[in-house]
Amino acid sequence: MELSNFANIATIVGACTAVGVIVYTAYQVRQNTLISRGQFWLELEKMFTVHDEVHINLRPGGKWSKDGSGPESVNDWAKVEDYMGLFEHCEIMLSNKVIDWQTFGAIFSYRLNNILWNKKIIEAKLVNERSSWEGFLRLLEKLQISISEYVD
């Protein structure tokens, strides 16, 4: 065999190796992206656990789930505002495509519904202070959750 044949074979082997490396790298990047996304969703879930007191109070059977009940003290209202503010942060991440709408809706939309079942919160925050909650209202709109379904 001549030297040029060895060079051609080496070129072919090198090209095949390069393609293999590119395919493997793409696979690894995809796997790492999926792992990172999963870790992010778990971290977001942890962020919501900080607001468990409000979440539990708003759940069906919770102390704020009955008609006319809801936050009373300044401290209670601050906790509700923090909880709703976390949803506003999520709306920003959703709009910037950091997280996806389908997964967010599947995991967290019931929490939004629980907030909206509380007429006291709707009246105080989403009616009287509407301009302060534009991000929260955008989130509801994008998830096709209408406040009118919850208001008499």
Protein backbone atom coordinates (compact mmCIF):
# COMPACT_ATOMS: atom_id res chain seq x y z
CA MET A 1 0.00 0.00 0.00
CA GLU A 2 1.17 3.45 -0.81
CA LEU A 3 1.49 6.30 1.64
CA SER A 4 -1.40 8.17 -0.01
CA ASN A 5 -3.71 5.19 0.69
CA PHE A 6 -2.75 5.30 4.38
CA ALA A 7 -3.43 9.03 4.38
CA ASN A 8 -6.87 8.48 2.84
CA ILE A 9 -7.70 5.75 5.36
CA ALA A 10 -6.50 7.96 8.23
CA THR A 11 -8.66 10.82 6.93
CA ILE A 12 -11.74 8.58 6.75
CA VAL A 13 -11.10 7.18 10.25
CA GLY A 14 -10.53 10.71 11.58
CA ALA A 15 -13.75 11.98 9.99
CA CYS A 16 -15.75 9.04 11.40
CA THR A 17 -14.23 9.62 14.82
CA ALA A 18 -15.10 13.33 14.65
CA VAL A 19 -18.71 12.54 13.72
CA GLY A 20 -18.88 10.04 16.58
CA VAL A 21 -17.52 12.62 19.03
CA ILE A 22 -20.03 15.23 17.82
CA VAL A 23 -22.95 12.81 18.17
CA TYR A 24 -21.79 11.74 21.64
CA THR A 25 -21.30 15.36 22.72
CA ALA A 26 -24.78 16.29 21.48
CA TYR A 27 -26.22 13.35 23.42
CA GLN A 28 -24.36 14.39 26.57
CA VAL A 29 -25.50 18.00 26.23
CA ARG A 30 -29.11 16.82 25.84
CA GLN A 31 -28.83 14.56 28.91
CA ASN A 32 -27.27 17.34 30.98
CA THR A 33 -30.02 19.73 29.88
CA LEU A 34 -32.71 17.25 30.99
CA ILE A 35 -30.98 16.69 34.32
CA SER A 36 -30.56 20.44 34.90
CA ARG A 37 -34.21 21.04 34.02
CA GLY A 38 -35.33 18.34 36.46
CA GLN A 39 -33.13 19.79 39.19
CA PHE A 40 -34.53 23.26 38.53
CA TRP A 41 -38.14 22.02 38.85
CA LEU A 42 -37.25 20.37 42.15
CA GLU A 43 -35.63 23.59 43.38
CA LEU A 44 -38.70 25.57 42.37
CA GLU A 45 -40.86 23.12 44.31
CA LYS A 46 -38.63 23.75 47.34
CA MET A 47 -39.14 27.50 46.91
CA PHE A 48 -42.87 26.95 47.09
CA THR A 49 -42.55 24.96 50.33
CA VAL A 50 -41.42 28.16 52.04
CA HIS A 51 -45.03 29.27 51.55
CA ASP A 52 -46.63 26.10 52.88
CA GLU A 53 -48.52 27.94 55.62
CA VAL A 54 -50.39 30.05 53.07
CA HIS A 55 -50.78 27.09 50.72
CA ILE A 56 -52.27 24.89 53.47
CA ASN A 57 -54.60 27.67 54.61
CA LEU A 58 -55.92 28.07 51.04
CA ARG A 59 -56.31 24.37 50.23
CA PRO A 60 -59.79 22.85 50.31
CA GLY A 61 -60.52 22.27 53.98
CA GLY A 62 -57.90 24.83 55.03
CA LYS A 63 -58.78 27.62 57.42
CA TRP A 64 -58.99 30.19 54.57
CA SER A 65 -61.08 27.97 52.29
CA LYS A 66 -64.38 28.85 53.95
CA ASP A 67 -66.51 31.78 52.72
CA GLY A 68 -65.48 35.08 54.22
CA SER A 69 -62.29 33.69 55.71
CA GLY A 70 -58.82 34.72 54.74
CA PRO A 71 -55.79 36.64 55.86
CA GLU A 72 -56.46 39.00 58.77
CA SER A 73 -53.22 40.29 60.20
CA VAL A 74 -50.51 42.34 58.52
CA ASN A 75 -48.29 39.27 58.89
CA ASP A 76 -50.84 37.05 57.11
CA TRP A 77 -51.16 39.53 54.26
CA ALA A 78 -47.37 39.78 53.94
CA LYS A 79 -47.17 35.99 53.60
CA VAL A 80 -49.89 36.00 50.94
CA GLU A 81 -48.08 38.76 49.04
CA ASP A 82 -44.80 36.81 49.19
CA TYR A 83 -46.59 33.71 47.88
CA MET A 84 -48.22 35.63 45.05
CA GLY A 85 -44.90 37.34 44.36
CA LEU A 86 -43.26 33.96 43.80
CA PHE A 87 -45.84 33.33 41.09
CA GLU A 88 -44.90 36.67 39.52
CA HIS A 89 -41.26 35.55 39.43
CA CYS A 90 -42.42 32.36 37.72
CA GLU A 91 -44.31 34.42 35.14
CA ILE A 92 -41.07 36.23 34.29
CA MET A 93 -39.20 32.93 33.96
CA LEU A 94 -42.01 31.52 31.82
CA SER A 95 -42.05 34.58 29.56
CA ASN A 96 -38.26 34.34 29.18
CA LYS A 97 -38.58 30.62 28.40
CA VAL A 98 -36.46 29.61 31.39
CA ILE A 99 -39.25 27.20 32.34
CA ASP A 100 -42.04 25.82 30.19
CA TRP A 101 -45.75 26.59 30.43
CA GLN A 102 -46.98 23.02 30.14
CA THR A 103 -44.93 21.71 33.06
CA PHE A 104 -45.61 24.77 35.19
CA GLY A 105 -49.36 24.51 34.60
CA ALA A 106 -49.38 20.81 35.38
CA ILE A 107 -47.49 21.27 38.64
CA PHE A 108 -48.67 24.62 40.00
CA SER A 109 -51.99 25.74 38.46
CA TYR A 110 -54.02 24.16 41.27
CA ARG A 111 -52.23 26.51 43.69
CA LEU A 112 -53.39 29.47 41.63
CA ASN A 113 -56.93 28.13 41.69
CA ASN A 114 -56.74 27.81 45.48
CA ILE A 115 -55.73 31.47 45.73
CA LEU A 116 -58.61 32.48 43.48
CA TRP A 117 -61.18 30.59 45.51
CA ASN A 118 -60.49 33.09 48.29
CA LYS A 119 -62.74 36.08 47.61
CA LYS A 120 -60.98 38.16 50.26
CA ILE A 121 -57.65 37.85 48.43
CA ILE A 122 -59.24 38.53 45.04
CA GLU A 123 -60.94 41.66 46.32
CA ALA A 124 -57.93 43.02 48.24
CA LYS A 125 -55.15 42.18 45.80
CA LEU A 126 -56.55 41.54 42.33
CA VAL A 127 -59.32 44.14 42.36
CA ASN A 128 -58.32 46.93 44.77
CA GLU A 129 -54.56 46.66 44.09
CA ARG A 130 -54.83 45.38 40.52
CA SER A 131 -52.04 47.59 39.15
CA SER A 132 -49.61 46.11 41.70
CA TRP A 133 -50.26 42.55 40.51
CA GLU A 134 -49.82 42.81 36.75
CA GLY A 135 -47.36 39.90 36.62
CA PHE A 136 -49.70 37.67 38.59
CA LEU A 137 -52.63 38.64 36.34
CA ARG A 138 -50.53 38.00 33.20
CA LEU A 139 -49.71 34.55 34.56
CA LEU A 140 -53.39 33.79 35.07
CA GLU A 141 -54.21 35.04 31.58
CA LYS A 142 -51.49 32.97 29.93
CA LEU A 143 -52.66 29.87 31.79
CA GLN A 144 -56.22 30.71 30.70
CA ILE A 145 -57.43 31.06 34.28
CA SER A 146 -60.16 33.68 34.48
CA ILE A 147 -60.81 35.59 37.70
CA SER A 148 -64.42 36.05 36.61
CA GLU A 149 -65.01 32.32 37.22
CA TYR A 150 -64.29 32.92 40.91
CA VAL A 151 -66.13 36.21 41.45
CA ASP A 152 -69.86 36.32 42.05
